[in-house]
Amino acid sequence: MDAPWKNPSIIVHSQLLARSLKRWTGRELLPEFPAGGSPAEFADKLFHAPFVQVSHGVEADPVLNYGNATALKLWEMTWEELTRTPSRLTAEAPNREERARLLAAVTANGFIDDYSGIRISKTGRRFRIAQATVWNLVDEGGVYRGQAAMFSQWEFL
């Protein structure tokens, strides 16, 4: 997909990311974005933001369903590759149990905002993320839609 942020379903998903973060933390996903701005403009700004934004769905083995340009670059994937990847594969095998505990804590509490851990790109490049916020995605009807994460601190190992 050449410009995923222009896809109507991604525009809607961008709004879900923002509403859910606000619900759990009281924080705006893009604080600099003007109130009343268009959802399409919001999706564009989020896709091109300097921080990582990713999310996964509700499958038994959750698959990533969103990654902004910063995430795509960090994980060294195309949009098509990322959105076919089970989210557990973004961590090395020894770190998957720790990642599963994190996601269970988010499910129980709605969010955490101090997560750190080791991740791995498609080519095997390892990096440590820090101060990540991870939150549940809940739609306007209260239906659980998955989880999202954002962070702006990482270092290659």
N, C-alpha and C. Protein backbone atom coordinates (compact mmCIF):
# COMPACT_ATOMS: atom_id res chain seq x y z
N MET A 1 0.87 -1.17 0.00
CA MET A 1 0.00 0.00 0.00
C MET A 1 0.91 1.23 0.00
N ASP A 2 0.79 2.05 -1.01
CA ASP A 2 1.68 3.19 -1.18
C ASP A 2 1.50 4.25 -0.10
N ALA A 3 0.30 4.57 0.26
CA ALA A 3 0.02 5.62 1.25
C ALA A 3 -1.04 5.11 2.22
N PRO A 4 -0.64 4.22 3.16
CA PRO A 4 -1.64 3.59 4.03
C PRO A 4 -2.46 4.60 4.83
N TRP A 5 -1.87 5.73 5.17
CA TRP A 5 -2.59 6.72 5.98
C TRP A 5 -3.78 7.32 5.24
N LYS A 6 -3.86 7.12 3.92
CA LYS A 6 -4.99 7.63 3.13
C LYS A 6 -6.15 6.64 3.05
N ASN A 7 -5.92 5.40 3.45
CA ASN A 7 -6.95 4.37 3.41
C ASN A 7 -8.03 4.68 4.44
N PRO A 8 -9.31 4.69 4.04
CA PRO A 8 -10.38 5.01 5.01
C PRO A 8 -10.34 4.17 6.29
N SER A 9 -9.99 2.89 6.18
CA SER A 9 -9.96 2.06 7.39
C SER A 9 -8.80 2.47 8.30
N ILE A 10 -7.72 2.94 7.75
CA ILE A 10 -6.58 3.39 8.55
C ILE A 10 -6.89 4.75 9.18
N ILE A 11 -7.62 5.59 8.48
CA ILE A 11 -8.04 6.87 9.06
C ILE A 11 -8.91 6.61 10.29
N VAL A 12 -9.85 5.66 10.17
CA VAL A 12 -10.71 5.29 11.30
C VAL A 12 -9.87 4.68 12.43
N HIS A 13 -8.91 3.82 12.07
CA HIS A 13 -8.05 3.18 13.08
C HIS A 13 -7.21 4.23 13.81
N SER A 14 -6.74 5.23 13.11
CA SER A 14 -5.96 6.31 13.74
C SER A 14 -6.78 7.01 14.80
N GLN A 15 -8.06 7.19 14.54
CA GLN A 15 -8.95 7.81 15.52
C GLN A 15 -9.13 6.89 16.73
N LEU A 16 -9.25 5.59 16.49
CA LEU A 16 -9.35 4.61 17.58
C LEU A 16 -8.11 4.67 18.47
N LEU A 17 -6.94 4.73 17.85
CA LEU A 17 -5.69 4.83 18.62
C LEU A 17 -5.73 6.05 19.55
N ALA A 18 -6.12 7.19 18.98
CA ALA A 18 -6.14 8.44 19.76
C ALA A 18 -7.19 8.42 20.86
N ARG A 19 -8.41 7.99 20.52
CA ARG A 19 -9.49 7.96 21.53
C ARG A 19 -9.15 7.02 22.68
N SER A 20 -8.58 5.86 22.35
CA SER A 20 -8.26 4.88 23.39
C SER A 20 -7.14 5.39 24.29
N LEU A 21 -6.12 6.02 23.72
CA LEU A 21 -5.06 6.57 24.55
C LEU A 21 -5.63 7.63 25.50
N LYS A 22 -6.48 8.49 24.98
CA LYS A 22 -7.10 9.55 25.80
C LYS A 22 -7.94 8.92 26.91
N ARG A 23 -8.67 7.87 26.58
CA ARG A 23 -9.53 7.20 27.57
C ARG A 23 -8.73 6.68 28.75
N TRP A 24 -7.60 6.02 28.46
CA TRP A 24 -6.83 5.38 29.53
C TRP A 24 -5.88 6.34 30.24
N THR A 25 -5.30 7.28 29.53
CA THR A 25 -4.23 8.09 30.12
C THR A 25 -4.59 9.57 30.27
N GLY A 26 -5.62 10.03 29.56
CA GLY A 26 -5.95 11.45 29.56
C GLY A 26 -5.06 12.26 28.63
N ARG A 27 -4.14 11.59 27.93
CA ARG A 27 -3.19 12.28 27.05
C ARG A 27 -3.64 12.25 25.60
N GLU A 28 -3.24 13.26 24.87
CA GLU A 28 -3.48 13.34 23.44
C GLU A 28 -2.37 12.60 22.70
N LEU A 29 -2.73 11.86 21.67
CA LEU A 29 -1.74 11.14 20.87
C LEU A 29 -0.84 12.12 20.11
N LEU A 30 -1.44 13.15 19.55
CA LEU A 30 -0.70 14.21 18.86
C LEU A 30 -1.09 15.54 19.50
N PRO A 31 -0.46 15.91 20.61
CA PRO A 31 -0.87 17.12 21.33
C PRO A 31 -0.84 18.39 20.47
N GLU A 32 0.03 18.41 19.48
CA GLU A 32 0.15 19.60 18.64
C GLU A 32 -0.94 19.68 17.55
N PHE A 33 -1.70 18.61 17.37
CA PHE A 33 -2.72 18.60 16.32
C PHE A 33 -3.91 19.45 16.77
N PRO A 34 -4.37 20.35 15.92
CA PRO A 34 -5.45 21.26 16.33
C PRO A 34 -6.77 20.53 16.56
N ALA A 35 -7.45 20.90 17.62
CA ALA A 35 -8.79 20.37 17.89
C ALA A 35 -9.67 20.69 16.68
N GLY A 36 -10.45 19.76 16.25
CA GLY A 36 -11.32 19.99 15.11
C GLY A 36 -10.65 19.74 13.77
N GLY A 37 -9.37 19.32 13.79
CA GLY A 37 -8.69 18.98 12.53
C GLY A 37 -9.33 17.75 11.91
N SER A 38 -9.15 17.59 10.62
CA SER A 38 -9.81 16.47 9.94
C SER A 38 -9.17 15.13 10.31
N PRO A 39 -9.97 14.05 10.36
CA PRO A 39 -9.42 12.73 10.62
C PRO A 39 -8.35 12.32 9.60
N ALA A 40 -8.52 12.71 8.34
CA ALA A 40 -7.53 12.37 7.31
C ALA A 40 -6.20 13.08 7.59
N GLU A 41 -6.25 14.33 8.00
CA GLU A 41 -5.02 15.06 8.34
C GLU A 41 -4.37 14.43 9.57
N PHE A 42 -5.18 14.02 10.54
CA PHE A 42 -4.66 13.38 11.73
C PHE A 42 -3.92 12.09 11.35
N ALA A 43 -4.54 11.27 10.50
CA ALA A 43 -3.92 10.00 10.08
C ALA A 43 -2.59 10.26 9.38
N ASP A 44 -2.53 11.29 8.56
CA ASP A 44 -1.29 11.65 7.87
C ASP A 44 -0.22 12.04 8.88
N LYS A 45 -0.56 12.91 9.83
CA LYS A 45 0.41 13.37 10.84
C LYS A 45 0.90 12.20 11.70
N LEU A 46 -0.01 11.31 12.07
CA LEU A 46 0.37 10.16 12.89
C LEU A 46 1.31 9.24 12.12
N PHE A 47 0.99 9.00 10.87
CA PHE A 47 1.84 8.10 10.07
C PHE A 47 3.25 8.68 9.94
N HIS A 48 3.36 9.97 9.86
CA HIS A 48 4.67 10.61 9.66
C HIS A 48 5.28 11.17 10.95
N ALA A 49 4.74 10.79 12.10
CA ALA A 49 5.24 11.28 13.39
C ALA A 49 6.65 10.75 13.66
N PRO A 50 7.43 11.48 14.45
CA PRO A 50 8.81 11.06 14.73
C PRO A 50 8.92 9.96 15.79
N PHE A 51 7.81 9.55 16.38
CA PHE A 51 7.82 8.45 17.35
C PHE A 51 7.25 7.20 16.70
N VAL A 52 7.46 6.06 17.34
CA VAL A 52 6.92 4.79 16.86
C VAL A 52 5.49 4.64 17.36
N GLN A 53 4.60 4.25 16.46
CA GLN A 53 3.22 3.91 16.80
C GLN A 53 2.90 2.59 16.11
N VAL A 54 2.53 1.59 16.89
CA VAL A 54 2.14 0.29 16.35
C VAL A 54 0.89 -0.18 17.08
N SER A 55 0.20 -1.13 16.47
CA SER A 55 -0.93 -1.77 17.14
C SER A 55 -1.14 -3.16 16.56
N HIS A 56 -1.84 -3.97 17.33
CA HIS A 56 -2.23 -5.30 16.86
C HIS A 56 -3.69 -5.54 17.18
N GLY A 57 -4.25 -6.53 16.48
CA GLY A 57 -5.66 -6.85 16.62
C GLY A 57 -5.93 -7.86 17.72
N VAL A 58 -7.04 -8.57 17.56
CA VAL A 58 -7.55 -9.46 18.62
C VAL A 58 -7.48 -10.94 18.23
N GLU A 59 -6.70 -11.26 17.22
CA GLU A 59 -6.57 -12.66 16.82
C GLU A 59 -5.98 -13.49 17.97
N ALA A 60 -6.14 -14.81 17.90
CA ALA A 60 -5.57 -15.68 18.94
C ALA A 60 -4.06 -15.45 19.05
N ASP A 61 -3.40 -15.25 17.93
CA ASP A 61 -1.99 -14.87 17.86
C ASP A 61 -2.00 -13.49 17.20
N PRO A 62 -2.13 -12.41 18.00
CA PRO A 62 -2.40 -11.08 17.43
C PRO A 62 -1.41 -10.65 16.35
N VAL A 63 -1.97 -10.14 15.26
CA VAL A 63 -1.21 -9.68 14.11
C VAL A 63 -1.18 -8.16 14.12
N LEU A 64 -0.02 -7.60 13.80
CA LEU A 64 0.10 -6.15 13.72
C LEU A 64 -0.86 -5.63 12.64
N ASN A 65 -1.56 -4.55 12.96
CA ASN A 65 -2.50 -3.97 11.99
C ASN A 65 -2.21 -2.50 11.72
N TYR A 66 -1.16 -1.98 12.36
CA TYR A 66 -0.77 -0.60 12.10
C TYR A 66 0.68 -0.41 12.52
N GLY A 67 1.40 0.32 11.73
CA GLY A 67 2.75 0.76 12.07
C GLY A 67 3.02 2.02 11.28
N ASN A 68 3.41 3.08 11.96
CA ASN A 68 3.68 4.31 11.22
C ASN A 68 5.05 4.22 10.54
N ALA A 69 5.42 5.27 9.80
CA ALA A 69 6.66 5.24 9.02
C ALA A 69 7.88 5.01 9.91
N THR A 70 7.88 5.58 11.12
CA THR A 70 9.01 5.39 12.04
C THR A 70 9.09 3.92 12.44
N ALA A 71 7.96 3.28 12.70
CA ALA A 71 7.94 1.85 13.05
C ALA A 71 8.41 1.00 11.88
N LEU A 72 7.94 1.32 10.68
CA LEU A 72 8.35 0.55 9.51
C LEU A 72 9.87 0.61 9.32
N LYS A 73 10.42 1.79 9.50
CA LYS A 73 11.87 1.95 9.36
C LYS A 73 12.61 1.18 10.44
N LEU A 74 12.16 1.29 11.70
CA LEU A 74 12.83 0.62 12.81
C LEU A 74 12.80 -0.90 12.66
N TRP A 75 11.65 -1.45 12.26
CA TRP A 75 11.54 -2.90 12.09
C TRP A 75 11.98 -3.36 10.71
N GLU A 76 12.36 -2.40 9.85
CA GLU A 76 12.88 -2.71 8.51
C GLU A 76 11.88 -3.55 7.70
N MET A 77 10.63 -3.08 7.69
CA MET A 77 9.56 -3.78 6.98
C MET A 77 8.76 -2.81 6.12
N THR A 78 8.11 -3.37 5.12
CA THR A 78 7.12 -2.61 4.36
C THR A 78 5.80 -2.68 5.14
N TRP A 79 4.85 -1.85 4.74
CA TRP A 79 3.51 -1.90 5.34
C TRP A 79 2.93 -3.30 5.21
N GLU A 80 3.05 -3.88 4.02
CA GLU A 80 2.48 -5.20 3.77
C GLU A 80 3.11 -6.25 4.66
N GLU A 81 4.43 -6.20 4.84
CA GLU A 81 5.11 -7.16 5.72
C GLU A 81 4.66 -6.98 7.16
N LEU A 82 4.67 -5.75 7.63
CA LEU A 82 4.32 -5.48 9.03
C LEU A 82 2.91 -5.95 9.34
N THR A 83 1.97 -5.67 8.46
CA THR A 83 0.57 -5.97 8.75
C THR A 83 0.22 -7.44 8.51
N ARG A 84 1.21 -8.26 8.25
CA ARG A 84 1.04 -9.72 8.20
C ARG A 84 1.83 -10.40 9.31
N THR A 85 2.48 -9.61 10.16
CA THR A 85 3.38 -10.15 11.18
C THR A 85 2.69 -10.30 12.53
N PRO A 86 2.71 -11.51 13.09
CA PRO A 86 2.22 -11.65 14.48
C PRO A 86 3.08 -10.76 15.38
N SER A 87 2.45 -10.00 16.26
CA SER A 87 3.20 -9.04 17.06
C SER A 87 4.25 -9.70 17.94
N ARG A 88 4.04 -10.95 18.34
CA ARG A 88 5.03 -11.63 19.18
C ARG A 88 6.37 -11.75 18.47
N LEU A 89 6.37 -11.74 17.12
CA LEU A 89 7.62 -11.91 16.38
C LEU A 89 8.47 -10.64 16.36
N THR A 90 7.97 -9.55 16.94
CA THR A 90 8.79 -8.34 17.04
C THR A 90 9.76 -8.43 18.21
N ALA A 91 9.63 -9.49 19.02
CA ALA A 91 10.56 -9.74 20.13
C ALA A 91 11.28 -11.05 19.85
N GLU A 92 12.52 -11.16 20.31
CA GLU A 92 13.24 -12.42 20.18
C GLU A 92 12.57 -13.48 21.04
N ALA A 93 12.75 -14.74 20.68
CA ALA A 93 12.11 -15.84 21.40
C ALA A 93 12.33 -15.78 22.92
N PRO A 94 13.55 -15.53 23.43
CA PRO A 94 13.72 -15.49 24.90
C PRO A 94 12.94 -14.36 25.56
N ASN A 95 12.59 -13.32 24.81
CA ASN A 95 11.89 -12.17 25.38
C ASN A 95 10.38 -12.25 25.22
N ARG A 96 9.88 -13.28 24.59
CA ARG A 96 8.44 -13.36 24.32
C ARG A 96 7.63 -13.62 25.58
N GLU A 97 8.18 -14.36 26.53
CA GLU A 97 7.44 -14.61 27.78
C GLU A 97 7.28 -13.29 28.54
N GLU A 98 8.34 -12.50 28.61
CA GLU A 98 8.28 -11.19 29.27
C GLU A 98 7.27 -10.29 28.56
N ARG A 99 7.25 -10.33 27.22
CA ARG A 99 6.31 -9.54 26.43
C ARG A 99 4.88 -9.98 26.73
N ALA A 100 4.64 -11.28 26.85
CA ALA A 100 3.30 -11.80 27.15
C ALA A 100 2.83 -11.31 28.52
N ARG A 101 3.74 -11.24 29.51
CA ARG A 101 3.37 -10.72 30.84
C ARG A 101 2.97 -9.24 30.73
N LEU A 102 3.72 -8.49 29.94
CA LEU A 102 3.40 -7.07 29.73
C LEU A 102 2.00 -6.92 29.17
N LEU A 103 1.68 -7.67 28.13
CA LEU A 103 0.38 -7.54 27.48
C LEU A 103 -0.75 -7.96 28.42
N ALA A 104 -0.50 -8.94 29.26
CA ALA A 104 -1.51 -9.35 30.24
C ALA A 104 -1.75 -8.22 31.25
N ALA A 105 -0.70 -7.53 31.67
CA ALA A 105 -0.85 -6.40 32.60
C ALA A 105 -1.64 -5.27 31.95
N VAL A 106 -1.39 -5.02 30.67
CA VAL A 106 -2.13 -3.98 29.96
C VAL A 106 -3.60 -4.37 29.87
N THR A 107 -3.86 -5.63 29.54
CA THR A 107 -5.25 -6.09 29.44
C THR A 107 -5.96 -5.87 30.77
N ALA A 108 -5.30 -6.17 31.87
CA ALA A 108 -5.92 -6.04 33.19
C ALA A 108 -6.10 -4.59 33.63
N ASN A 109 -5.14 -3.71 33.30
CA ASN A 109 -5.13 -2.35 33.84
C ASN A 109 -5.48 -1.26 32.83
N GLY A 110 -5.58 -1.61 31.56
CA GLY A 110 -5.90 -0.61 30.53
C GLY A 110 -4.69 -0.04 29.84
N PHE A 111 -3.60 0.20 30.59
CA PHE A 111 -2.38 0.72 29.99
C PHE A 111 -1.22 0.62 30.97
N ILE A 112 -0.02 0.73 30.44
CA ILE A 112 1.19 0.98 31.24
C ILE A 112 1.97 2.05 30.48
N ASP A 113 2.77 2.81 31.19
CA ASP A 113 3.48 3.87 30.49
C ASP A 113 4.98 3.91 30.78
N ASP A 114 5.52 2.78 31.18
CA ASP A 114 6.94 2.76 31.48
C ASP A 114 7.60 1.46 31.01
N TYR A 115 7.14 0.92 29.91
CA TYR A 115 7.66 -0.36 29.44
C TYR A 115 9.01 -0.19 28.75
N SER A 116 9.91 -1.11 29.02
CA SER A 116 11.20 -1.20 28.33
C SER A 116 11.42 -2.65 27.94
N GLY A 117 12.06 -2.89 26.83
CA GLY A 117 12.33 -4.26 26.41
C GLY A 117 13.16 -4.31 25.15
N ILE A 118 13.57 -5.51 24.79
CA ILE A 118 14.39 -5.74 23.60
C ILE A 118 13.48 -6.19 22.47
N ARG A 119 13.68 -5.62 21.32
CA ARG A 119 12.93 -5.99 20.12
C ARG A 119 13.92 -6.33 19.01
N ILE A 120 13.39 -6.90 17.92
CA ILE A 120 14.25 -7.33 16.83
C ILE A 120 13.58 -6.99 15.49
N SER A 121 14.38 -6.49 14.57
CA SER A 121 13.85 -6.13 13.25
C SER A 121 13.80 -7.36 12.35
N LYS A 122 13.25 -7.18 11.18
CA LYS A 122 13.14 -8.26 10.19
C LYS A 122 14.51 -8.83 9.84
N THR A 123 15.54 -7.98 9.81
CA THR A 123 16.88 -8.44 9.43
C THR A 123 17.69 -8.94 10.62
N GLY A 124 17.09 -8.94 11.83
CA GLY A 124 17.79 -9.43 13.01
C GLY A 124 18.48 -8.35 13.82
N ARG A 125 18.29 -7.11 13.44
CA ARG A 125 18.88 -6.01 14.20
C ARG A 125 18.13 -5.85 15.52
N ARG A 126 18.86 -5.93 16.63
CA ARG A 126 18.26 -5.85 17.97
C ARG A 126 18.29 -4.41 18.47
N PHE A 127 17.24 -4.04 19.18
CA PHE A 127 17.19 -2.71 19.77
C PHE A 127 16.38 -2.74 21.06
N ARG A 128 16.76 -1.85 21.97
CA ARG A 128 16.07 -1.72 23.25
C ARG A 128 15.14 -0.51 23.15
N ILE A 129 13.88 -0.74 23.52
CA ILE A 129 12.94 0.37 23.60
C ILE A 129 12.79 0.77 25.06
N ALA A 130 12.47 2.04 25.31
CA ALA A 130 12.34 2.52 26.68
C ALA A 130 11.17 3.49 26.77
N GLN A 131 10.57 3.54 27.96
CA GLN A 131 9.48 4.48 28.25
C GLN A 131 8.32 4.36 27.26
N ALA A 132 8.01 3.12 26.88
CA ALA A 132 6.90 2.89 25.95
C ALA A 132 5.58 2.94 26.71
N THR A 133 4.58 3.51 26.07
CA THR A 133 3.21 3.45 26.57
C THR A 133 2.50 2.38 25.76
N VAL A 134 1.85 1.47 26.44
CA VAL A 134 1.09 0.40 25.81
C VAL A 134 -0.32 0.47 26.37
N TRP A 135 -1.32 0.43 25.48
CA TRP A 135 -2.70 0.58 25.95
C TRP A 135 -3.66 -0.28 25.15
N ASN A 136 -4.80 -0.55 25.79
CA ASN A 136 -5.88 -1.30 25.15
C ASN A 136 -6.62 -0.40 24.19
N LEU A 137 -7.02 -0.98 23.07
CA LEU A 137 -7.87 -0.28 22.11
C LEU A 137 -9.31 -0.71 22.35
N VAL A 138 -10.14 0.27 22.64
CA VAL A 138 -11.55 0.00 22.92
C VAL A 138 -12.37 0.97 22.07
N ASP A 139 -13.30 0.43 21.29
CA ASP A 139 -14.08 1.30 20.41
C ASP A 139 -15.18 2.04 21.18
N GLU A 140 -15.93 2.86 20.48
CA GLU A 140 -16.95 3.69 21.12
C GLU A 140 -18.05 2.87 21.79
N GLY A 141 -18.23 1.61 21.34
CA GLY A 141 -19.22 0.73 21.94
C GLY A 141 -18.67 -0.07 23.11
N GLY A 142 -17.40 0.17 23.47
CA GLY A 142 -16.79 -0.54 24.58
C GLY A 142 -16.20 -1.89 24.20
N VAL A 143 -16.12 -2.17 22.89
CA VAL A 143 -15.60 -3.46 22.43
C VAL A 143 -14.07 -3.40 22.33
N TYR A 144 -13.42 -4.40 22.92
CA TYR A 144 -11.96 -4.51 22.88
C TYR A 144 -11.51 -4.80 21.45
N ARG A 145 -10.57 -4.01 20.93
CA ARG A 145 -10.11 -4.12 19.54
C ARG A 145 -8.63 -4.43 19.41
N GLY A 146 -7.93 -4.63 20.53
CA GLY A 146 -6.51 -4.95 20.46
C GLY A 146 -5.70 -4.07 21.39
N GLN A 147 -4.43 -3.93 21.08
CA GLN A 147 -3.54 -3.11 21.89
C GLN A 147 -2.64 -2.29 21.00
N ALA A 148 -2.16 -1.18 21.54
CA ALA A 148 -1.28 -0.29 20.81
C ALA A 148 -0.08 0.06 21.68
N ALA A 149 0.99 0.49 21.03
CA ALA A 149 2.18 0.94 21.74
C ALA A 149 2.78 2.13 21.02
N MET A 150 3.35 3.02 21.80
CA MET A 150 4.09 4.15 21.24
C MET A 150 5.32 4.39 22.09
N PHE A 151 6.40 4.78 21.41
CA PHE A 151 7.62 5.13 22.12
C PHE A 151 8.50 5.97 21.22
N SER A 152 9.35 6.76 21.85
CA SER A 152 10.26 7.59 21.07
C SER A 152 11.72 7.38 21.49
N GLN A 153 11.92 6.43 22.39
CA GLN A 153 13.29 6.12 22.83
C GLN A 153 13.65 4.70 22.45
N TRP A 154 14.74 4.57 21.69
CA TRP A 154 15.27 3.25 21.37
C TRP A 154 16.75 3.39 21.09
N GLU A 155 17.47 2.29 21.31
CA GLU A 155 18.89 2.26 20.98
C GLU A 155 19.21 0.90 20.40
N PHE A 156 20.05 0.90 19.38
CA PHE A 156 20.46 -0.35 18.75
C PHE A 156 21.53 -1.02 19.60
N LEU A 157 21.45 -2.34 19.67
CA LEU A 157 22.37 -3.12 20.51
C LEU A 157 23.43 -3.80 19.66
